[in-house]
Amino acid sequence: MINKNTIVSVKKMLAPEDSNILINYKVTDAETQANSRIQKFIPIAEDNTDYQEILKWVAEGNTIEEAD
């Protein structure tokens, strides 16, 4: 589970077959595992607690990065 207080960045991830479809977010967390930052892929689902943390993070003035 992610926590809005430990999110470093959030980036949009688009469908490979259609770059107009947002499929999930890639979250980089401040927590580390084996000296590397943890990255998680969070689906866009209102009932998902990780997605709710992203929304809180954005509400605090943070910005989601555009996809590559």
PDB file of N, CA and C in Angstrom:
ATOM      1  N   MET A   1       0.837  -1.174   0.000  1.00  0.00           N
ATOM      2  CA  MET A   1       0.000   0.000   0.000  1.00  0.00           C
ATOM      3  C   MET A   1       0.886   1.243   0.000  1.00  0.00           C
ATOM      4  N   ILE A   2       0.521   2.204  -0.813  1.00  0.00           N
ATOM      5  CA  ILE A   2       1.283   3.445  -0.840  1.00  0.00           C
ATOM      6  C   ILE A   2       0.683   4.447   0.142  1.00  0.00           C
ATOM      7  N   ASN A   3       1.479   5.433   0.472  1.00  0.00           N
ATOM      8  CA  ASN A   3       1.047   6.504   1.365  1.00  0.00           C
ATOM      9  C   ASN A   3       1.365   7.811   0.677  1.00  0.00           C
ATOM     10  N   LYS A   4       0.401   8.739   0.649  1.00  0.00           N
ATOM     11  CA  LYS A   4       0.597  10.012  -0.058  1.00  0.00           C
ATOM     12  C   LYS A   4       1.829  10.753   0.446  1.00  0.00           C
ATOM     13  N   ASN A   5       2.219  10.498   1.684  1.00  0.00           N
ATOM     14  CA  ASN A   5       3.371  11.185   2.263  1.00  0.00           C
ATOM     15  C   ASN A   5       4.711  10.630   1.788  1.00  0.00           C
ATOM     16  N   THR A   6       4.701   9.456   1.159  1.00  0.00           N
ATOM     17  CA  THR A   6       5.961   8.867   0.692  1.00  0.00           C
ATOM     18  C   THR A   6       6.071   8.810  -0.826  1.00  0.00           C
ATOM     19  N   ILE A   7       5.068   9.356  -1.532  1.00  0.00           N
ATOM     20  CA  ILE A   7       5.119   9.362  -2.995  1.00  0.00           C
ATOM     21  C   ILE A   7       6.175  10.364  -3.474  1.00  0.00           C
ATOM     22  N   VAL A   8       7.060   9.909  -4.344  1.00  0.00           N
ATOM     23  CA  VAL A   8       8.069  10.769  -4.962  1.00  0.00           C
ATOM     24  C   VAL A   8       7.547  11.310  -6.282  1.00  0.00           C
ATOM     25  N   SER A   9       6.948  10.422  -7.102  1.00  0.00           N
ATOM     26  CA  SER A   9       6.404  10.851  -8.382  1.00  0.00           C
ATOM     27  C   SER A   9       5.318   9.894  -8.833  1.00  0.00           C
ATOM     28  N   VAL A  10       4.446  10.419  -9.702  1.00  0.00           N
ATOM     29  CA  VAL A  10       3.390   9.622 -10.322  1.00  0.00           C
ATOM     30  C   VAL A  10       3.426   9.944 -11.807  1.00  0.00           C
ATOM     31  N   LYS A  11       3.385   8.899 -12.631  1.00  0.00           N
ATOM     32  CA  LYS A  11       3.462   9.085 -14.078  1.00  0.00           C
ATOM     33  C   LYS A  11       2.338   8.311 -14.759  1.00  0.00           C
ATOM     34  N   LYS A  12       1.726   8.934 -15.772  1.00  0.00           N
ATOM     35  CA  LYS A  12       0.685   8.272 -16.540  1.00  0.00           C
ATOM     36  C   LYS A  12       1.277   7.144 -17.372  1.00  0.00           C
ATOM     37  N   MET A  13       0.552   6.033 -17.438  1.00  0.00           N
ATOM     38  CA  MET A  13       0.940   4.907 -18.280  1.00  0.00           C
ATOM     39  C   MET A  13      -0.192   4.663 -19.264  1.00  0.00           C
ATOM     40  N   LEU A  14       0.136   4.694 -20.550  1.00  0.00           N
ATOM     41  CA  LEU A  14      -0.862   4.560 -21.607  1.00  0.00           C
ATOM     42  C   LEU A  14      -0.868   3.159 -22.200  1.00  0.00           C
ATOM     43  N   ALA A  15      -1.988   2.782 -22.780  1.00  0.00           N
ATOM     44  CA  ALA A  15      -2.116   1.473 -23.433  1.00  0.00           C
ATOM     45  C   ALA A  15      -1.165   1.405 -24.619  1.00  0.00           C
ATOM     46  N   PRO A  16      -0.430   0.321 -24.772  1.00  0.00           N
ATOM     47  CA  PRO A  16       0.523   0.222 -25.883  1.00  0.00           C
ATOM     48  C   PRO A  16      -0.155   0.244 -27.253  1.00  0.00           C
ATOM     49  N   GLU A  17      -1.378  -0.255 -27.336  1.00  0.00           N
ATOM     50  CA  GLU A  17      -2.061  -0.304 -28.626  1.00  0.00           C
ATOM     51  C   GLU A  17      -2.812   0.982 -28.961  1.00  0.00           C
ATOM     52  N   ASP A  18      -2.995   1.856 -27.952  1.00  0.00           N
ATOM     53  CA  ASP A  18      -3.708   3.118 -28.184  1.00  0.00           C
ATOM     54  C   ASP A  18      -3.227   4.146 -27.168  1.00  0.00           C
ATOM     55  N   SER A  19      -2.411   5.064 -27.618  1.00  0.00           N
ATOM     56  CA  SER A  19      -1.801   6.038 -26.707  1.00  0.00           C
ATOM     57  C   SER A  19      -2.785   7.085 -26.190  1.00  0.00           C
ATOM     58  N   ASN A  20      -4.050   6.943 -26.529  1.00  0.00           N
ATOM     59  CA  ASN A  20      -5.078   7.837 -25.992  1.00  0.00           C
ATOM     60  C   ASN A  20      -5.784   7.242 -24.784  1.00  0.00           C
ATOM     61  N   ILE A  21      -5.430   6.006 -24.435  1.00  0.00           N
ATOM     62  CA  ILE A  21      -6.092   5.333 -23.318  1.00  0.00           C
ATOM     63  C   ILE A  21      -5.152   5.250 -22.124  1.00  0.00           C
ATOM     64  N   LEU A  22      -5.546   5.897 -21.045  1.00  0.00           N
ATOM     65  CA  LEU A  22      -4.797   5.851 -19.792  1.00  0.00           C
ATOM     66  C   LEU A  22      -5.169   4.559 -19.071  1.00  0.00           C
ATOM     67  N   ILE A  23      -4.164   3.700 -18.806  1.00  0.00           N
ATOM     68  CA  ILE A  23      -4.480   2.409 -18.187  1.00  0.00           C
ATOM     69  C   ILE A  23      -4.143   2.355 -16.700  1.00  0.00           C
ATOM     70  N   ASN A  24      -3.096   3.060 -16.283  1.00  0.00           N
ATOM     71  CA  ASN A  24      -2.755   3.087 -14.864  1.00  0.00           C
ATOM     72  C   ASN A  24      -1.712   4.165 -14.600  1.00  0.00           C
ATOM     73  N   TYR A  25      -1.274   4.237 -13.357  1.00  0.00           N
ATOM     74  CA  TYR A  25      -0.225   5.172 -12.966  1.00  0.00           C
ATOM     75  C   TYR A  25       0.971   4.405 -12.428  1.00  0.00           C
ATOM     76  N   LYS A  26       2.164   4.874 -12.764  1.00  0.00           N
ATOM     77  CA  LYS A  26       3.386   4.318 -12.181  1.00  0.00           C
ATOM     78  C   LYS A  26       3.793   5.235 -11.040  1.00  0.00           C
ATOM     79  N   VAL A  27       3.820   4.695  -9.832  1.00  0.00           N
ATOM     80  CA  VAL A  27       4.147   5.472  -8.643  1.00  0.00           C
ATOM     81  C   VAL A  27       5.545   5.088  -8.162  1.00  0.00           C
ATOM     82  N   THR A  28       6.386   6.094  -7.957  1.00  0.00           N
ATOM     83  CA  THR A  28       7.693   5.875  -7.349  1.00  0.00           C
ATOM     84  C   THR A  28       7.567   6.311  -5.904  1.00  0.00           C
ATOM     85  N   ASP A  29       7.928   5.421  -5.000  1.00  0.00           N
ATOM     86  CA  ASP A  29       7.767   5.632  -3.568  1.00  0.00           C
ATOM     87  C   ASP A  29       9.116   5.968  -2.938  1.00  0.00           C
ATOM     88  N   ALA A  30       9.098   6.750  -1.886  1.00  0.00           N
ATOM     89  CA  ALA A  30      10.335   7.123  -1.188  1.00  0.00           C
ATOM     90  C   ALA A  30      10.939   5.928  -0.463  1.00  0.00           C
ATOM     91  N   GLU A  31      10.120   4.939  -0.147  1.00  0.00           N
ATOM     92  CA  GLU A  31      10.638   3.747   0.514  1.00  0.00           C
ATOM     93  C   GLU A  31      11.534   2.988  -0.455  1.00  0.00           C
ATOM     94  N   THR A  32      12.514   2.304   0.067  1.00  0.00           N
ATOM     95  CA  THR A  32      13.444   1.568  -0.785  1.00  0.00           C
ATOM     96  C   THR A  32      13.463   0.089  -0.431  1.00  0.00           C
ATOM     97  N   GLN A  33      13.880  -0.675  -1.406  1.00  0.00           N
ATOM     98  CA  GLN A  33      14.072  -2.107  -1.229  1.00  0.00           C
ATOM     99  C   GLN A  33      15.363  -2.445  -1.955  1.00  0.00           C
ATOM    100  N   ALA A  34      16.320  -3.007  -1.262  1.00  0.00           N
ATOM    101  CA  ALA A  34      17.632  -3.316  -1.827  1.00  0.00           C
ATOM    102  C   ALA A  34      18.250  -2.077  -2.459  1.00  0.00           C
ATOM    103  N   ASN A  35      18.147  -0.941  -1.753  1.00  0.00           N
ATOM    104  CA  ASN A  35      18.728   0.344  -2.155  1.00  0.00           C
ATOM    105  C   ASN A  35      18.149   0.922  -3.444  1.00  0.00           C
ATOM    106  N   SER A  36      16.976   0.469  -3.846  1.00  0.00           N
ATOM    107  CA  SER A  36      16.293   1.021  -5.014  1.00  0.00           C
ATOM    108  C   SER A  36      14.901   1.481  -4.591  1.00  0.00           C
ATOM    109  N   ARG A  37      14.464   2.573  -5.189  1.00  0.00           N
ATOM    110  CA  ARG A  37      13.111   3.050  -4.889  1.00  0.00           C
ATOM    111  C   ARG A  37      12.089   2.052  -5.412  1.00  0.00           C
ATOM    112  N   ILE A  38      11.025   1.901  -4.664  1.00  0.00           N
ATOM    113  CA  ILE A  38       9.951   0.983  -5.042  1.00  0.00           C
ATOM    114  C   ILE A  38       9.042   1.665  -6.060  1.00  0.00           C
ATOM    115  N   GLN A  39       8.720   0.951  -7.130  1.00  0.00           N
ATOM    116  CA  GLN A  39       7.777   1.444  -8.132  1.00  0.00           C
ATOM    117  C   GLN A  39       6.589   0.499  -8.176  1.00  0.00           C
ATOM    118  N   LYS A  40       5.402   1.093  -8.214  1.00  0.00           N
ATOM    119  CA  LYS A  40       4.176   0.297  -8.253  1.00  0.00           C
ATOM    120  C   LYS A  40       3.294   0.818  -9.372  1.00  0.00           C
ATOM    121  N   PHE A  41       2.527  -0.076  -9.969  1.00  0.00           N
ATOM    122  CA  PHE A  41       1.573   0.292 -11.010  1.00  0.00           C
ATOM    123  C   PHE A  41       0.183   0.219 -10.399  1.00  0.00           C
ATOM    124  N   ILE A  42      -0.487   1.371 -10.382  1.00  0.00           N
ATOM    125  CA  ILE A  42      -1.769   1.493  -9.701  1.00  0.00           C
ATOM    126  C   ILE A  42      -2.891   1.675 -10.730  1.00  0.00           C
ATOM    127  N   PRO A  43      -3.894   0.790 -10.700  1.00  0.00           N
ATOM    128  CA  PRO A  43      -5.009   0.941 -11.632  1.00  0.00           C
ATOM    129  C   PRO A  43      -5.882   2.139 -11.265  1.00  0.00           C
ATOM    130  N   ILE A  44      -6.563   2.660 -12.256  1.00  0.00           N
ATOM    131  CA  ILE A  44      -7.475   3.776 -12.042  1.00  0.00           C
ATOM    132  C   ILE A  44      -8.817   3.171 -11.642  1.00  0.00           C
ATOM    133  N   ALA A  45      -9.018   3.071 -10.341  1.00  0.00           N
ATOM    134  CA  ALA A  45     -10.238   2.460  -9.809  1.00  0.00           C
ATOM    135  C   ALA A  45     -10.600   3.179  -8.515  1.00  0.00           C
ATOM    136  N   GLU A  46     -11.767   3.780  -8.488  1.00  0.00           N
ATOM    137  CA  GLU A  46     -12.202   4.582  -7.344  1.00  0.00           C
ATOM    138  C   GLU A  46     -12.125   3.833  -6.020  1.00  0.00           C
ATOM    139  N   ASP A  47     -12.360   2.521  -6.023  1.00  0.00           N
ATOM    140  CA  ASP A  47     -12.359   1.762  -4.778  1.00  0.00           C
ATOM    141  C   ASP A  47     -10.963   1.264  -4.363  1.00  0.00           C
ATOM    142  N   ASN A  48      -9.952   1.565  -5.169  1.00  0.00           N
ATOM    143  CA  ASN A  48      -8.580   1.149  -4.866  1.00  0.00           C
ATOM    144  C   ASN A  48      -7.948   2.157  -3.902  1.00  0.00           C
ATOM    145  N   THR A  49      -7.492   1.692  -2.743  1.00  0.00           N
ATOM    146  CA  THR A  49      -6.936   2.603  -1.733  1.00  0.00           C
ATOM    147  C   THR A  49      -5.658   3.287  -2.213  1.00  0.00           C
ATOM    148  N   ASP A  50      -4.855   2.619  -3.019  1.00  0.00           N
ATOM    149  CA  ASP A  50      -3.650   3.256  -3.559  1.00  0.00           C
ATOM    150  C   ASP A  50      -4.021   4.385  -4.511  1.00  0.00           C
ATOM    151  N   TYR A  51      -5.044   4.172  -5.331  1.00  0.00           N
ATOM    152  CA  TYR A  51      -5.526   5.220  -6.229  1.00  0.00           C
ATOM    153  C   TYR A  51      -6.030   6.417  -5.413  1.00  0.00           C
ATOM    154  N   GLN A  52      -6.719   6.158  -4.324  1.00  0.00           N
ATOM    155  CA  GLN A  52      -7.209   7.220  -3.445  1.00  0.00           C
ATOM    156  C   GLN A  52      -6.056   8.032  -2.865  1.00  0.00           C
ATOM    157  N   GLU A  53      -4.939   7.380  -2.547  1.00  0.00           N
ATOM    158  CA  GLU A  53      -3.758   8.085  -2.036  1.00  0.00           C
ATOM    159  C   GLU A  53      -3.171   9.005  -3.114  1.00  0.00           C
ATOM    160  N   ILE A  54      -3.187   8.556  -4.362  1.00  0.00           N
ATOM    161  CA  ILE A  54      -2.719   9.401  -5.473  1.00  0.00           C
ATOM    162  C   ILE A  54      -3.587  10.647  -5.563  1.00  0.00           C
ATOM    163  N   LEU A  55      -4.901  10.485  -5.461  1.00  0.00           N
ATOM    164  CA  LEU A  55      -5.810  11.628  -5.520  1.00  0.00           C
ATOM    165  C   LEU A  55      -5.539  12.621  -4.390  1.00  0.00           C
ATOM    166  N   LYS A  56      -5.255  12.125  -3.197  1.00  0.00           N
ATOM    167  CA  LYS A  56      -4.916  12.999  -2.068  1.00  0.00           C
ATOM    168  C   LYS A  56      -3.609  13.739  -2.345  1.00  0.00           C
ATOM    169  N   TRP A  57      -2.638  13.030  -2.905  1.00  0.00           N
ATOM    170  CA  TRP A  57      -1.334  13.610  -3.233  1.00  0.00           C
ATOM    171  C   TRP A  57      -1.508  14.743  -4.231  1.00  0.00           C
ATOM    172  N   VAL A  58      -2.340  14.540  -5.249  1.00  0.00           N
ATOM    173  CA  VAL A  58      -2.620  15.574  -6.245  1.00  0.00           C
ATOM    174  C   VAL A  58      -3.353  16.747  -5.599  1.00  0.00           C
ATOM    175  N   ALA A  59      -4.301  16.461  -4.715  1.00  0.00           N
ATOM    176  CA  ALA A  59      -5.063  17.513  -4.040  1.00  0.00           C
ATOM    177  C   ALA A  59      -4.163  18.428  -3.211  1.00  0.00           C
ATOM    178  N   GLU A  60      -3.016  17.912  -2.798  1.00  0.00           N
ATOM    179  CA  GLU A  60      -2.052  18.704  -2.023  1.00  0.00           C
ATOM    180  C   GLU A  60      -1.173  19.572  -2.924  1.00  0.00           C
ATOM    181  N   GLY A  61      -1.414  19.551  -4.225  1.00  0.00           N
ATOM    182  CA  GLY A  61      -0.680  20.413  -5.139  1.00  0.00           C
ATOM    183  C   GLY A  61       0.377  19.739  -5.975  1.00  0.00           C
ATOM    184  N   ASN A  62       0.470  18.429  -5.883  1.00  0.00           N
ATOM    185  CA  ASN A  62       1.440  17.693  -6.686  1.00  0.00           C
ATOM    186  C   ASN A  62       0.892  17.424  -8.084  1.00  0.00           C
ATOM    187  N   THR A  63       1.791  17.157  -9.017  1.00  0.00           N
ATOM    188  CA  THR A  63       1.413  16.983 -10.413  1.00  0.00           C
ATOM    189  C   THR A  63       1.792  15.602 -10.932  1.00  0.00           C
ATOM    190  N   ILE A  64       0.869  15.004 -11.656  1.00  0.00           N
ATOM    191  CA  ILE A  64       1.134  13.719 -12.309  1.00  0.00           C
ATOM    192  C   ILE A  64       1.863  13.986 -13.610  1.00  0.00           C
ATOM    193  N   GLU A  65       2.968  13.274 -13.827  1.00  0.00           N
ATOM    194  CA  GLU A  65       3.769  13.436 -15.048  1.00  0.00           C
ATOM    195  C   GLU A  65       3.048  12.819 -16.240  1.00  0.00           C
ATOM    196  N   GLU A  66       3.237  13.434 -17.401  1.00  0.00           N
ATOM    197  CA  GLU A  66       2.695  12.890 -18.646  1.00  0.00           C
ATOM    198  C   GLU A  66       3.483  11.626 -19.036  1.00  0.00           C
ATOM    199  N   ALA A  67       2.850  10.774 -19.803  1.00  0.00           N
ATOM    200  CA  ALA A  67       3.500   9.559 -20.292  1.00  0.00           C
ATOM    201  C   ALA A  67       4.564   9.918 -21.318  1.00  0.00           C
ATOM    202  N   ASP A  68       5.510   9.013 -21.495  1.00  0.00           N
ATOM    203  CA  ASP A  68       6.568   9.213 -22.510  1.00  0.00           C
ATOM    204  C   ASP A  68       6.024   9.036 -23.899  1.00  0.00           C
TER     205      ASP A  68
END
